[in-house]
C-alpha atoms as a PDB file:
ATOM      1  CA  UNK A   1      50.503  33.674  -8.761  1.00  0.00           C
ATOM      2  CA  UNK A   2      52.791  35.757  -6.299  1.00  0.00           C
ATOM      3  CA  UNK A   3      51.081  38.789  -4.353  1.00  0.00           C
ATOM      4  CA  UNK A   4      53.881  41.096  -5.536  1.00  0.00           C
ATOM      5  CA  UNK A   5      52.776  40.674  -9.049  1.00  0.00           C
ATOM      6  CA  UNK A   6      49.580  42.291  -8.312  1.00  0.00           C
ATOM      7  CA  UNK A   7      48.927  46.022  -8.420  1.00  0.00           C
ATOM      8  CA  UNK A   8      46.585  46.174  -5.483  1.00  0.00           C
ATOM      9  CA  UNK A   9      45.477  49.757  -6.261  1.00  0.00           C
ATOM     10  CA  UNK A  10      44.396  48.696  -9.834  1.00  0.00           C
ATOM     11  CA  UNK A  11      42.757  45.329  -8.874  1.00  0.00           C
ATOM     12  CA  UNK A  12      39.213  45.029 -10.566  1.00  0.00           C
ATOM     13  CA  UNK A  13      35.983  43.325  -8.731  1.00  0.00           C
ATOM     14  CA  UNK A  14      36.581  40.446 -11.073  1.00  0.00           C
ATOM     15  CA  UNK A  15      38.143  37.215 -11.793  1.00  0.00           C
ATOM     16  CA  UNK A  16      41.982  36.968 -11.251  1.00  0.00           C
ATOM     17  CA  UNK A  17      43.255  33.421 -11.306  1.00  0.00           C
ATOM     18  CA  UNK A  18      44.478  32.008  -8.070  1.00  0.00           C
ATOM     19  CA  UNK A  19      46.932  29.305  -7.856  1.00  0.00           C
ATOM     20  CA  UNK A  20      44.607  26.396  -6.252  1.00  0.00           C
ATOM     21  CA  UNK A  21      40.866  25.714  -5.719  1.00  0.00           C
ATOM     22  CA  UNK A  22      39.323  22.842  -3.722  1.00  0.00           C
ATOM     23  CA  UNK A  23      36.710  20.188  -4.735  1.00  0.00           C
ATOM     24  CA  UNK A  24      34.611  17.594  -3.172  1.00  0.00           C
ATOM     25  CA  UNK A  25      32.615  14.917  -4.854  1.00  0.00           C
ATOM     26  CA  UNK A  26      29.420  13.403  -3.317  1.00  0.00           C
ATOM     27  CA  UNK A  27      29.280   9.613  -4.770  1.00  0.00           C
ATOM     28  CA  UNK A  28      27.719   6.439  -3.517  1.00  0.00           C
ATOM     29  CA  UNK A  29      25.870   8.182  -0.858  1.00  0.00           C
ATOM     30  CA  UNK A  30      28.777  10.244   0.852  1.00  0.00           C
ATOM     31  CA  UNK A  31      30.953  13.171   0.489  1.00  0.00           C
ATOM     32  CA  UNK A  32      34.405  12.156  -0.336  1.00  0.00           C
ATOM     33  CA  UNK A  33      37.692  13.655   0.652  1.00  0.00           C
ATOM     34  CA  UNK A  34      38.738  17.349  -0.308  1.00  0.00           C
ATOM     35  CA  UNK A  35      40.948  17.474  -3.366  1.00  0.00           C
ATOM     36  CA  UNK A  36      43.295  20.397  -4.307  1.00  0.00           C
ATOM     37  CA  UNK A  37      43.575  21.322  -7.906  1.00  0.00           C
ATOM     38  CA  UNK A  38      45.831  23.915  -9.680  1.00  0.00           C
ATOM     39  CA  UNK A  39      43.188  23.633 -12.757  1.00  0.00           C
ATOM     40  CA  UNK A  40      40.771  26.222 -13.948  1.00  0.00           C
ATOM     41  CA  UNK A  41      38.717  23.744 -15.674  1.00  0.00           C
ATOM     42  CA  UNK A  42      36.034  21.037 -14.404  1.00  0.00           C
ATOM     43  CA  UNK A  43      35.477  17.948 -16.819  1.00  0.00           C
ATOM     44  CA  UNK A  44      31.851  17.333 -17.096  1.00  0.00           C
ATOM     45  CA  UNK A  45      29.756  14.547 -18.972  1.00  0.00           C
ATOM     46  CA  UNK A  46      27.760  16.306 -21.662  1.00  0.00           C
ATOM     47  CA  UNK A  47      24.582  14.923 -20.063  1.00  0.00           C
ATOM     48  CA  UNK A  48      25.246  16.266 -16.630  1.00  0.00           C
ATOM     49  CA  UNK A  49      22.166  17.687 -14.908  1.00  0.00           C
ATOM     50  CA  UNK A  50      23.823  21.063 -14.208  1.00  0.00           C
ATOM     51  CA  UNK A  51      23.936  21.576 -17.922  1.00  0.00           C
ATOM     52  CA  UNK A  52      20.702  20.482 -18.749  1.00  0.00           C
ATOM     53  CA  UNK A  53      18.192  21.056 -15.840  1.00  0.00           C
ATOM     54  CA  UNK A  54      19.811  23.868 -13.908  1.00  0.00           C
ATOM     55  CA  UNK A  55      21.182  21.878 -10.993  1.00  0.00           C
ATOM     56  CA  UNK A  56      23.478  24.559  -9.723  1.00  0.00           C
ATOM     57  CA  UNK A  57      23.950  26.809  -6.880  1.00  0.00           C
ATOM     58  CA  UNK A  58      26.556  29.172  -5.218  1.00  0.00           C
ATOM     59  CA  UNK A  59      27.691  31.447  -2.570  1.00  0.00           C
ATOM     60  CA  UNK A  60      29.822  34.269  -2.185  1.00  0.00           C
ATOM     61  CA  UNK A  61      31.920  35.386   0.922  1.00  0.00           C
ATOM     62  CA  UNK A  62      35.219  37.060   1.751  1.00  0.00           C
ATOM     63  CA  UNK A  63      38.553  37.011   3.732  1.00  0.00           C
ATOM     64  CA  UNK A  64      40.057  40.034   4.879  1.00  0.00           C
ATOM     65  CA  UNK A  65      43.506  40.936   5.875  1.00  0.00           C
ATOM     66  CA  UNK A  66      43.290  42.975   8.990  1.00  0.00           C
ATOM     67  CA  UNK A  67      44.826  45.784  10.574  1.00  0.00           C
ATOM     68  CA  UNK A  68      46.567  43.584  12.930  1.00  0.00           C
ATOM     69  CA  UNK A  69      47.750  41.346  10.061  1.00  0.00           C
ATOM     70  CA  UNK A  70      45.692  38.604  10.684  1.00  0.00           C
ATOM     71  CA  UNK A  71      43.200  37.201   8.078  1.00  0.00           C
ATOM     72  CA  UNK A  72      39.387  37.012   8.871  1.00  0.00           C
ATOM     73  CA  UNK A  73      36.393  35.224   6.901  1.00  0.00           C
ATOM     74  CA  UNK A  74      33.096  37.112   7.594  1.00  0.00           C
ATOM     75  CA  UNK A  75      30.126  34.633   8.733  1.00  0.00           C
ATOM     76  CA  UNK A  76      31.127  31.718   6.906  1.00  0.00           C
ATOM     77  CA  UNK A  77      28.789  29.434   8.827  1.00  0.00           C
ATOM     78  CA  UNK A  78      26.004  31.671   7.698  1.00  0.00           C
ATOM     79  CA  UNK A  79      26.947  31.168   4.012  1.00  0.00           C
ATOM     80  CA  UNK A  80      27.249  27.284   4.748  1.00  0.00           C
ATOM     81  CA  UNK A  81      23.544  27.253   6.163  1.00  0.00           C
ATOM     82  CA  UNK A  82      22.222  29.299   2.981  1.00  0.00           C
ATOM     83  CA  UNK A  83      24.375  26.804   0.661  1.00  0.00           C
ATOM     84  CA  UNK A  84      22.251  23.957   2.216  1.00  0.00           C
ATOM     85  CA  UNK A  85      19.066  25.885   1.838  1.00  0.00           C
ATOM     86  CA  UNK A  86      19.724  26.450  -1.850  1.00  0.00           C
ATOM     87  CA  UNK A  87      20.805  22.764  -2.599  1.00  0.00           C
ATOM     88  CA  UNK A  88      17.729  21.581  -0.863  1.00  0.00           C
ATOM     89  CA  UNK A  89      15.597  23.927  -3.017  1.00  0.00           C
ATOM     90  CA  UNK A  90      16.471  22.277  -6.449  1.00  0.00           C
ATOM     91  CA  UNK A  91      16.629  18.661  -5.008  1.00  0.00           C
ATOM     92  CA  UNK A  92      20.785  18.599  -4.776  1.00  0.00           C
ATOM     93  CA  UNK A  93      22.670  16.726  -1.967  1.00  0.00           C
ATOM     94  CA  UNK A  94      23.204  19.596   0.769  1.00  0.00           C
ATOM     95  CA  UNK A  95      26.917  19.682   2.085  1.00  0.00           C
ATOM     96  CA  UNK A  96      27.308  19.783   6.055  1.00  0.00           C
ATOM     97  CA  UNK A  97      28.276  22.883   7.437  1.00  0.00           C
ATOM     98  CA  UNK A  98      31.550  21.554   8.817  1.00  0.00           C
ATOM     99  CA  UNK A  99      32.655  20.353   5.416  1.00  0.00           C
ATOM    100  CA  UNK A 100      31.977  23.434   3.987  1.00  0.00           C
ATOM    101  CA  UNK A 101      33.911  25.413   6.453  1.00  0.00           C
ATOM    102  CA  UNK A 102      36.850  23.093   6.299  1.00  0.00           C
ATOM    103  CA  UNK A 103      36.997  23.783   2.497  1.00  0.00           C
ATOM    104  CA  UNK A 104      36.831  27.578   3.165  1.00  0.00           C
ATOM    105  CA  UNK A 105      39.621  27.565   5.471  1.00  0.00           C
ATOM    106  CA  UNK A 106      41.644  25.084   2.949  1.00  0.00           C
ATOM    107  CA  UNK A 107      41.321  27.193   0.227  1.00  0.00           C
ATOM    108  CA  UNK A 108      42.214  30.476   1.978  1.00  0.00           C
ATOM    109  CA  UNK A 109      45.295  28.861   3.281  1.00  0.00           C
ATOM    110  CA  UNK A 110      46.307  27.627  -0.060  1.00  0.00           C
ATOM    111  CA  UNK A 111      45.888  30.918  -1.600  1.00  0.00           C
ATOM    112  CA  UNK A 112      47.617  33.127   1.247  1.00  0.00           C
ATOM    113  CA  UNK A 113      49.997  34.882  -1.335  1.00  0.00           C
ATOM    114  CA  UNK A 114      47.059  36.624  -3.049  1.00  0.00           C
ATOM    115  CA  UNK A 115      45.142  37.723   0.150  1.00  0.00           C
ATOM    116  CA  UNK A 116      45.418  41.554  -0.372  1.00  0.00           C
ATOM    117  CA  UNK A 117      47.197  43.673   2.217  1.00  0.00           C
ATOM    118  CA  UNK A 118      45.347  45.796   4.717  1.00  0.00           C
ATOM    119  CA  UNK A 119      44.608  49.321   3.605  1.00  0.00           C
ATOM    120  CA  UNK A 120      44.002  48.528   0.075  1.00  0.00           C
ATOM    121  CA  UNK A 121      40.331  48.199   0.117  1.00  0.00           C
ATOM    122  CA  UNK A 122      40.713  44.997  -1.443  1.00  0.00           C
ATOM    123  CA  UNK A 123      39.987  41.409  -0.234  1.00  0.00           C
ATOM    124  CA  UNK A 124      39.830  37.798  -1.145  1.00  0.00           C
ATOM    125  CA  UNK A 125      36.612  36.735  -2.627  1.00  0.00           C
ATOM    126  CA  UNK A 126      35.575  33.209  -2.029  1.00  0.00           C
ATOM    127  CA  UNK A 127      32.962  31.482  -4.436  1.00  0.00           C
ATOM    128  CA  UNK A 128      31.775  27.997  -3.403  1.00  0.00           C
ATOM    129  CA  UNK A 129      29.583  26.259  -6.380  1.00  0.00           C
ATOM    130  CA  UNK A 130      27.858  23.022  -6.279  1.00  0.00           C
ATOM    131  CA  UNK A 131      26.706  21.205  -9.464  1.00  0.00           C
ATOM    132  CA  UNK A 132      24.873  18.153 -10.470  1.00  0.00           C
ATOM    133  CA  UNK A 133      27.440  15.917 -12.367  1.00  0.00           C
ATOM    134  CA  UNK A 134      25.436  12.674 -13.193  1.00  0.00           C
ATOM    135  CA  UNK A 135      24.595  12.171 -16.802  1.00  0.00           C
ATOM    136  CA  UNK A 136      20.759  12.554 -17.110  1.00  0.00           C
ATOM    137  CA  UNK A 137      18.353  12.738 -20.154  1.00  0.00           C
ATOM    138  CA  UNK A 138      15.038  12.370 -18.097  1.00  0.00           C
ATOM    139  CA  UNK A 139      14.022  14.964 -15.957  1.00  0.00           C
ATOM    140  CA  UNK A 140      15.433  13.991 -12.253  1.00  0.00           C
ATOM    141  CA  UNK A 141      17.766  14.868  -9.604  1.00  0.00           C
ATOM    142  CA  UNK A 142      21.342  13.903 -10.131  1.00  0.00           C
ATOM    143  CA  UNK A 143      22.857  11.152  -7.855  1.00  0.00           C
ATOM    144  CA  UNK A 144      26.188  12.519  -8.086  1.00  0.00           C
ATOM    145  CA  UNK A 145      27.612  16.291  -7.223  1.00  0.00           C
ATOM    146  CA  UNK A 146      30.626  18.328  -6.899  1.00  0.00           C
ATOM    147  CA  UNK A 147      31.551  21.355  -4.717  1.00  0.00           C
ATOM    148  CA  UNK A 148      34.210  23.553  -5.937  1.00  0.00           C
ATOM    149  CA  UNK A 149      35.635  26.705  -4.065  1.00  0.00           C
ATOM    150  CA  UNK A 150      37.552  28.997  -6.048  1.00  0.00           C
ATOM    151  CA  UNK A 151      38.956  32.342  -4.871  1.00  0.00           C
ATOM    152  CA  UNK A 152      40.169  35.447  -6.542  1.00  0.00           C
ATOM    153  CA  UNK A 153      41.386  38.759  -5.164  1.00  0.00           C
ATOM    154  CA  UNK A 154      39.027  41.523  -5.949  1.00  0.00           C
ATOM    155  CA  UNK A 155      39.414  45.505  -5.643  1.00  0.00           C
ATOM    156  CA  UNK A 156      37.346  47.804  -3.660  1.00  0.00           C
ATOM    157  CA  UNK A 157      33.556  47.979  -4.982  1.00  0.00           C
ATOM    158  CA  UNK A 158      33.480  51.667  -5.213  1.00  0.00           C
ATOM    159  CA  UNK A 159      36.426  52.542  -7.267  1.00  0.00           C
ATOM    160  CA  UNK A 160      35.732  56.339  -7.517  1.00  0.00           C
ATOM    161  CA  UNK A 161      34.866  56.475  -3.619  1.00  0.00           C
ATOM    162  CA  UNK A 162      31.830  55.628  -1.493  1.00  0.00           C
ATOM    163  CA  UNK A 163      28.984  57.597  -3.050  1.00  0.00           C
ATOM    164  CA  UNK A 164      25.426  57.373  -4.036  1.00  0.00           C
ATOM    165  CA  UNK A 165      24.193  55.784  -7.305  1.00  0.00           C
ATOM    166  CA  UNK A 166      21.148  56.022  -9.573  1.00  0.00           C
ATOM    167  CA  UNK A 167      18.725  53.063  -9.797  1.00  0.00           C
ATOM    168  CA  UNK A 168      15.542  52.549 -12.225  1.00  0.00           C
ATOM    169  CA  UNK A 169      12.453  50.850 -11.628  1.00  0.00           C
ATOM    170  CA  UNK A 170      10.042  49.073 -14.248  1.00  0.00           C
ATOM    171  CA  UNK A 171       6.874  46.706 -13.897  1.00  0.00           C
ATOM    172  CA  UNK A 172       7.923  45.416 -17.240  1.00  0.00           C
ATOM    173  CA  UNK A 173      10.591  42.705 -15.767  1.00  0.00           C
ATOM    174  CA  UNK A 174      10.163  40.065 -12.990  1.00  0.00           C
ATOM    175  CA  UNK A 175      13.339  38.619 -11.202  1.00  0.00           C
ATOM    176  CA  UNK A 176      11.614  35.476 -10.444  1.00  0.00           C
ATOM    177  CA  UNK A 177       8.040  33.789  -9.818  1.00  0.00           C
ATOM    178  CA  UNK A 178       5.852  33.749  -6.864  1.00  0.00           C
ATOM    179  CA  UNK A 179       6.746  30.308  -5.050  1.00  0.00           C
ATOM    180  CA  UNK A 180       9.599  29.981  -7.236  1.00  0.00           C
ATOM    181  CA  UNK A 181      13.435  30.003  -6.670  1.00  0.00           C
ATOM    182  CA  UNK A 182      13.953  33.810  -5.485  1.00  0.00           C
ATOM    183  CA  UNK A 183      14.977  32.942  -1.906  1.00  0.00           C
ATOM    184  CA  UNK A 184      17.821  30.444  -3.034  1.00  0.00           C
ATOM    185  CA  UNK A 185      21.007  31.323  -4.442  1.00  0.00           C
ATOM    186  CA  UNK A 186      21.042  29.505  -7.859  1.00  0.00           C
ATOM    187  CA  UNK A 187      22.378  30.603 -11.232  1.00  0.00           C
ATOM    188  CA  UNK A 188      19.029  30.663 -12.923  1.00  0.00           C
ATOM    189  CA  UNK A 189      17.934  33.588 -10.992  1.00  0.00           C
ATOM    190  CA  UNK A 190      20.600  35.553 -12.241  1.00  0.00           C
ATOM    191  CA  UNK A 191      20.529  34.463 -15.524  1.00  0.00           C
ATOM    192  CA  UNK A 192      16.733  35.840 -15.584  1.00  0.00           C
ATOM    193  CA  UNK A 193      17.818  39.033 -14.371  1.00  0.00           C
ATOM    194  CA  UNK A 194      20.379  39.957 -17.078  1.00  0.00           C
ATOM    195  CA  UNK A 195      17.949  41.480 -19.471  1.00  0.00           C
ATOM    196  CA  UNK A 196      16.568  43.812 -17.028  1.00  0.00           C
ATOM    197  CA  UNK A 197      20.033  44.652 -15.900  1.00  0.00           C
ATOM    198  CA  UNK A 198      21.196  45.178 -19.436  1.00  0.00           C
ATOM    199  CA  UNK A 199      17.984  47.661 -19.870  1.00  0.00           C
ATOM    200  CA  UNK A 200      19.235  49.662 -16.773  1.00  0.00           C
ATOM    201  CA  UNK A 201      22.563  50.006 -17.843  1.00  0.00           C
ATOM    202  CA  UNK A 202      21.371  51.235 -21.172  1.00  0.00           C
ATOM    203  CA  UNK A 203      19.448  53.998 -19.522  1.00  0.00           C
ATOM    204  CA  UNK A 204      22.218  54.974 -17.546  1.00  0.00           C
ATOM    205  CA  UNK A 205      21.375  53.578 -14.304  1.00  0.00           C
ATOM    206  CA  UNK A 206      23.322  51.060 -12.136  1.00  0.00           C
ATOM    207  CA  UNK A 207      20.530  48.280 -11.526  1.00  0.00           C
ATOM    208  CA  UNK A 208      16.963  47.682 -11.845  1.00  0.00           C
ATOM    209  CA  UNK A 209      14.775  47.720  -8.677  1.00  0.00           C
ATOM    210  CA  UNK A 210      11.938  45.034  -8.909  1.00  0.00           C
ATOM    211  CA  UNK A 211       8.442  45.268  -7.704  1.00  0.00           C
ATOM    212  CA  UNK A 212       6.906  41.967  -6.351  1.00  0.00           C
ATOM    213  CA  UNK A 213       5.981  39.583  -9.315  1.00  0.00           C
ATOM    214  CA  UNK A 214       2.558  39.029  -7.943  1.00  0.00           C
ATOM    215  CA  UNK A 215       0.691  42.338  -7.285  1.00  0.00           C
ATOM    216  CA  UNK A 216       3.464  44.690  -8.385  1.00  0.00           C
ATOM    217  CA  UNK A 217       3.051  46.990  -5.522  1.00  0.00           C
ATOM    218  CA  UNK A 218       5.533  46.059  -3.067  1.00  0.00           C
ATOM    219  CA  UNK A 219       9.447  46.598  -3.583  1.00  0.00           C
ATOM    220  CA  UNK A 220      11.545  43.185  -4.169  1.00  0.00           C
ATOM    221  CA  UNK A 221      15.409  43.010  -4.944  1.00  0.00           C
ATOM    222  CA  UNK A 222      17.383  45.706  -6.006  1.00  0.00           C
ATOM    223  CA  UNK A 223      19.318  44.125  -8.909  1.00  0.00           C
ATOM    224  CA  UNK A 224      21.261  41.212  -7.070  1.00  0.00           C
ATOM    225  CA  UNK A 225      21.159  42.724  -3.459  1.00  0.00           C
ATOM    226  CA  UNK A 226      18.439  43.395  -0.842  1.00  0.00           C
ATOM    227  CA  UNK A 227      16.997  46.754  -0.698  1.00  0.00           C
ATOM    228  CA  UNK A 228      16.611  48.807   2.393  1.00  0.00           C
ATOM    229  CA  UNK A 229      15.449  52.217   3.633  1.00  0.00           C
ATOM    230  CA  UNK A 230      15.902  54.418   6.572  1.00  0.00           C
ATOM    231  CA  UNK A 231      12.792  56.365   7.972  1.00  0.00           C
ATOM    232  CA  UNK A 232      13.773  58.516  10.780  1.00  0.00           C
ATOM    233  CA  UNK A 233      15.323  55.953  13.545  1.00  0.00           C
ATOM    234  CA  UNK A 234      13.879  52.945  11.627  1.00  0.00           C
ATOM    235  CA  UNK A 235      15.808  50.515   9.216  1.00  0.00           C
ATOM    236  CA  UNK A 236      13.270  48.891   6.950  1.00  0.00           C
ATOM    237  CA  UNK A 237      13.919  46.082   4.648  1.00  0.00           C
ATOM    238  CA  UNK A 238      11.454  43.700   2.602  1.00  0.00           C
ATOM    239  CA  UNK A 239      10.180  40.562   3.871  1.00  0.00           C
ATOM    240  CA  UNK A 240       9.253  38.385   1.009  1.00  0.00           C
ATOM    241  CA  UNK A 241       9.418  34.723   0.014  1.00  0.00           C
ATOM    242  CA  UNK A 242      11.034  36.007  -3.425  1.00  0.00           C
ATOM    243  CA  UNK A 243      13.833  37.666  -1.958  1.00  0.00           C
ATOM    244  CA  UNK A 244      17.230  35.837  -1.069  1.00  0.00           C
ATOM    245  CA  UNK A 245      17.869  36.176   2.487  1.00  0.00           C
ATOM    246  CA  UNK A 246      21.126  38.428   2.515  1.00  0.00           C
ATOM    247  CA  UNK A 247      23.826  37.719   5.069  1.00  0.00           C
ATOM    248  CA  UNK A 248      24.981  41.460   4.901  1.00  0.00           C
ATOM    249  CA  UNK A 249      21.490  42.810   5.428  1.00  0.00           C
ATOM    250  CA  UNK A 250      20.991  40.278   8.284  1.00  0.00           C
ATOM    251  CA  UNK A 251      24.336  41.850   9.883  1.00  0.00           C
ATOM    252  CA  UNK A 252      23.218  45.307   9.150  1.00  0.00           C
ATOM    253  CA  UNK A 253      20.024  44.664  10.834  1.00  0.00           C
ATOM    254  CA  UNK A 254      21.839  43.675  14.099  1.00  0.00           C
ATOM    255  CA  UNK A 255      24.219  46.577  13.745  1.00  0.00           C
ATOM    256  CA  UNK A 256      21.123  49.016  13.439  1.00  0.00           C
ATOM    257  CA  UNK A 257      19.596  47.332  16.441  1.00  0.00           C
ATOM    258  CA  UNK A 258      23.285  48.150  18.245  1.00  0.00           C
ATOM    259  CA  UNK A 259      22.939  51.683  17.243  1.00  0.00           C
ATOM    260  CA  UNK A 260      19.441  51.851  19.059  1.00  0.00           C
ATOM    261  CA  UNK A 261      17.454  51.928  15.887  1.00  0.00           C
ATOM    262  CA  UNK A 262      14.211  50.018  15.353  1.00  0.00           C
ATOM    263  CA  UNK A 263      14.291  47.306  12.722  1.00  0.00           C
ATOM    264  CA  UNK A 264      11.083  46.090  10.507  1.00  0.00           C
ATOM    265  CA  UNK A 265      11.256  43.375   7.981  1.00  0.00           C
ATOM    266  CA  UNK A 266       7.876  43.646   6.188  1.00  0.00           C
ATOM    267  CA  UNK A 267       6.336  44.279   2.781  1.00  0.00           C
ATOM    268  CA  UNK A 268       7.101  47.776   1.764  1.00  0.00           C
ATOM    269  CA  UNK A 269       5.049  49.690  -0.628  1.00  0.00           C
ATOM    270  CA  UNK A 270       6.113  51.457  -3.757  1.00  0.00           C
ATOM    271  CA  UNK A 271       4.440  54.464  -2.373  1.00  0.00           C
ATOM    272  CA  UNK A 272       6.559  54.662   0.669  1.00  0.00           C
ATOM    273  CA  UNK A 273       9.575  55.449  -1.558  1.00  0.00           C
ATOM    274  CA  UNK A 274       8.535  59.016  -1.148  1.00  0.00           C
ATOM    275  CA  UNK A 275       8.858  58.742   2.569  1.00  0.00           C
ATOM    276  CA  UNK A 276      12.389  57.295   3.183  1.00  0.00           C
ATOM    277  CA  UNK A 277      15.179  59.405   4.335  1.00  0.00           C
ATOM    278  CA  UNK A 278      18.046  57.271   2.958  1.00  0.00           C
ATOM    279  CA  UNK A 279      17.773  53.943   0.807  1.00  0.00           C
ATOM    280  CA  UNK A 280      20.292  51.641  -0.391  1.00  0.00           C
ATOM    281  CA  UNK A 281      21.098  48.291  -1.505  1.00  0.00           C
ATOM    282  CA  UNK A 282      23.302  45.447   0.498  1.00  0.00           C
ATOM    283  CA  UNK A 283      25.139  42.286  -0.269  1.00  0.00           C
ATOM    284  CA  UNK A 284      28.585  40.678  -0.007  1.00  0.00           C
ATOM    285  CA  UNK A 285      30.201  42.818  -2.884  1.00  0.00           C
ATOM    286  CA  UNK A 286      29.379  46.565  -1.894  1.00  0.00           C
ATOM    287  CA  UNK A 287      28.030  46.095   1.840  1.00  0.00           C
ATOM    288  CA  UNK A 288      26.132  48.964   1.293  1.00  0.00           C
ATOM    289  CA  UNK A 289      25.335  50.761  -1.975  1.00  0.00           C
ATOM    290  CA  UNK A 290      23.796  53.957  -1.427  1.00  0.00           C
ATOM    291  CA  UNK A 291      20.989  55.011  -3.810  1.00  0.00           C
ATOM    292  CA  UNK A 292      20.684  58.983  -4.424  1.00  0.00           C
ATOM    293  CA  UNK A 293      17.922  58.630  -6.964  1.00  0.00           C
ATOM    294  CA  UNK A 294      15.313  56.103  -7.908  1.00  0.00           C
ATOM    295  CA  UNK A 295      13.490  56.794 -11.437  1.00  0.00           C
ATOM    296  CA  UNK A 296      10.486  54.828 -12.373  1.00  0.00           C
ATOM    297  CA  UNK A 297      10.878  54.513 -16.026  1.00  0.00           C
ATOM    298  CA  UNK A 298       7.428  53.422 -16.738  1.00  0.00           C
ATOM    299  CA  UNK A 299       5.831  56.754 -15.493  1.00  0.00           C
ATOM    300  CA  UNK A 300       8.900  58.909 -15.169  1.00  0.00           C
ATOM    301  CA  UNK A 301       8.201  59.556 -11.410  1.00  0.00           C
ATOM    302  CA  UNK A 302      11.533  60.295  -9.528  1.00  0.00           C
ATOM    303  CA  UNK A 303      12.510  59.700  -5.901  1.00  0.00           C
ATOM    304  CA  UNK A 304      15.474  61.667  -4.903  1.00  0.00           C
ATOM    305  CA  UNK A 305      17.556  61.178  -1.613  1.00  0.00           C
ATOM    306  CA  UNK A 306      20.669  63.126  -2.361  1.00  0.00           C
ATOM    307  CA  UNK A 307      23.441  62.303  -5.080  1.00  0.00           C
ATOM    308  CA  UNK A 308      26.195  64.575  -3.285  1.00  0.00           C
ATOM    309  CA  UNK A 309      26.503  62.903   0.243  1.00  0.00           C
ATOM    310  CA  UNK A 310      26.007  59.438   1.896  1.00  0.00           C
ATOM    311  CA  UNK A 311      23.404  59.411   4.470  1.00  0.00           C
ATOM    312  CA  UNK A 312      24.736  59.322   7.824  1.00  0.00           C
ATOM    313  CA  UNK A 313      22.970  56.028   8.764  1.00  0.00           C
ATOM    314  CA  UNK A 314      24.298  54.062   5.542  1.00  0.00           C
ATOM    315  CA  UNK A 315      27.836  55.496   6.415  1.00  0.00           C
ATOM    316  CA  UNK A 316      27.678  54.263   9.990  1.00  0.00           C
ATOM    317  CA  UNK A 317      26.616  50.831   8.879  1.00  0.00           C
ATOM    318  CA  UNK A 318      29.033  50.549   6.154  1.00  0.00           C
ATOM    319  CA  UNK A 319      32.042  51.883   8.415  1.00  0.00           C
ATOM    320  CA  UNK A 320      30.923  49.316  11.181  1.00  0.00           C
ATOM    321  CA  UNK A 321      30.966  46.144   8.983  1.00  0.00           C
ATOM    322  CA  UNK A 322      34.295  47.184   7.348  1.00  0.00           C
ATOM    323  CA  UNK A 323      35.608  47.837  10.494  1.00  0.00           C
ATOM    324  CA  UNK A 324      34.786  44.425  12.159  1.00  0.00           C
ATOM    325  CA  UNK A 325      35.986  42.604   8.884  1.00  0.00           C
ATOM    326  CA  UNK A 326      39.277  44.534   9.121  1.00  0.00           C
ATOM    327  CA  UNK A 327      39.877  44.081  12.792  1.00  0.00           C
ATOM    328  CA  UNK A 328      39.475  47.598  13.552  1.00  0.00           C
ATOM    329  CA  UNK A 329      36.359  47.401  15.696  1.00  0.00           C
ATOM    330  CA  UNK A 330      35.494  44.692  18.162  1.00  0.00           C
ATOM    331  CA  UNK A 331      33.595  41.893  16.953  1.00  0.00           C
ATOM    332  CA  UNK A 332      30.973  41.095  19.469  1.00  0.00           C
ATOM    333  CA  UNK A 333      28.890  39.088  17.763  1.00  0.00           C
ATOM    334  CA  UNK A 334      31.339  36.575  16.814  1.00  0.00           C
ATOM    335  CA  UNK A 335      30.830  37.011  13.064  1.00  0.00           C
ATOM    336  CA  UNK A 336      34.492  36.510  12.020  1.00  0.00           C
ATOM    337  CA  UNK A 337      36.925  33.488  12.196  1.00  0.00           C
ATOM    338  CA  UNK A 338      40.573  33.927  12.163  1.00  0.00           C
ATOM    339  CA  UNK A 339      42.512  31.723   9.924  1.00  0.00           C
ATOM    340  CA  UNK A 340      45.443  30.191  11.280  1.00  0.00           C
ATOM    341  CA  UNK A 341      48.480  29.855   8.926  1.00  0.00           C
ATOM    342  CA  UNK A 342      51.091  27.270   9.443  1.00  0.00           C
END
């Protein structure tokens, strides 16, 4: 596909075919060479462990064409480390950080023609995926694995502008189980959230905000993203073994410290929702999703933060990360890597 064939202003946040993906297979005790493919399909044995026993994990990161024309990938080593944690969490073979980063660089270079131009709000989304490919009928880990990295150009998350949304909350749904897989990035966690997500959409809300699965008194994930709140000069986000450690959230916490704010990672009680000045969700896709209203659909309680404007702290956090990603703000923490093209 040629970049000139893409209408960047109409680009969705969804899948668009790229020219190439890259793949690497673990077999006979070692990772093999990285292979380039122009196929969108993978040939799998019908008894592959990923199909029967859910041995599958994934990541999400982005490459950005900056103001200076250079292409930057944001915090890929952090994604590589989390990819390892996810693999270990479901007994898969972890891919070394160096191999992961080599694959990221390669797939970005191969698809240079569809990296969106600066100023469009669009970016190149990178999706690493690991699957168990050995045929298994008995329940046991696979002995062979494949890592695939695909890319797709994606449009800006906020099509109608950066503004607050509405979220609902219910005790009827659990995203994950205590001591389960909530803190790693596997497809099963997302499958388990689909029913609650559809319920939220049916009621006119963006996502479902979950409470902890054990006591139902602490805030957990917000859809597929981390929750955060701002109270005075303090940035607060949940600390929980059931929450995926967000790389975006980690970055926001550091930026908040750079802004002179206090940062707290702790259990957040449901009752604290009434005390926040600003709340939001954060993740790779949106960076920050400001929340203007949370409605407890079990009892009708509303927590209002303002639907008209984005809070000043959220706006500053969002602008800072986007500025670093686009090369507009100095990357003093070394979060981006510039991809060198031949």
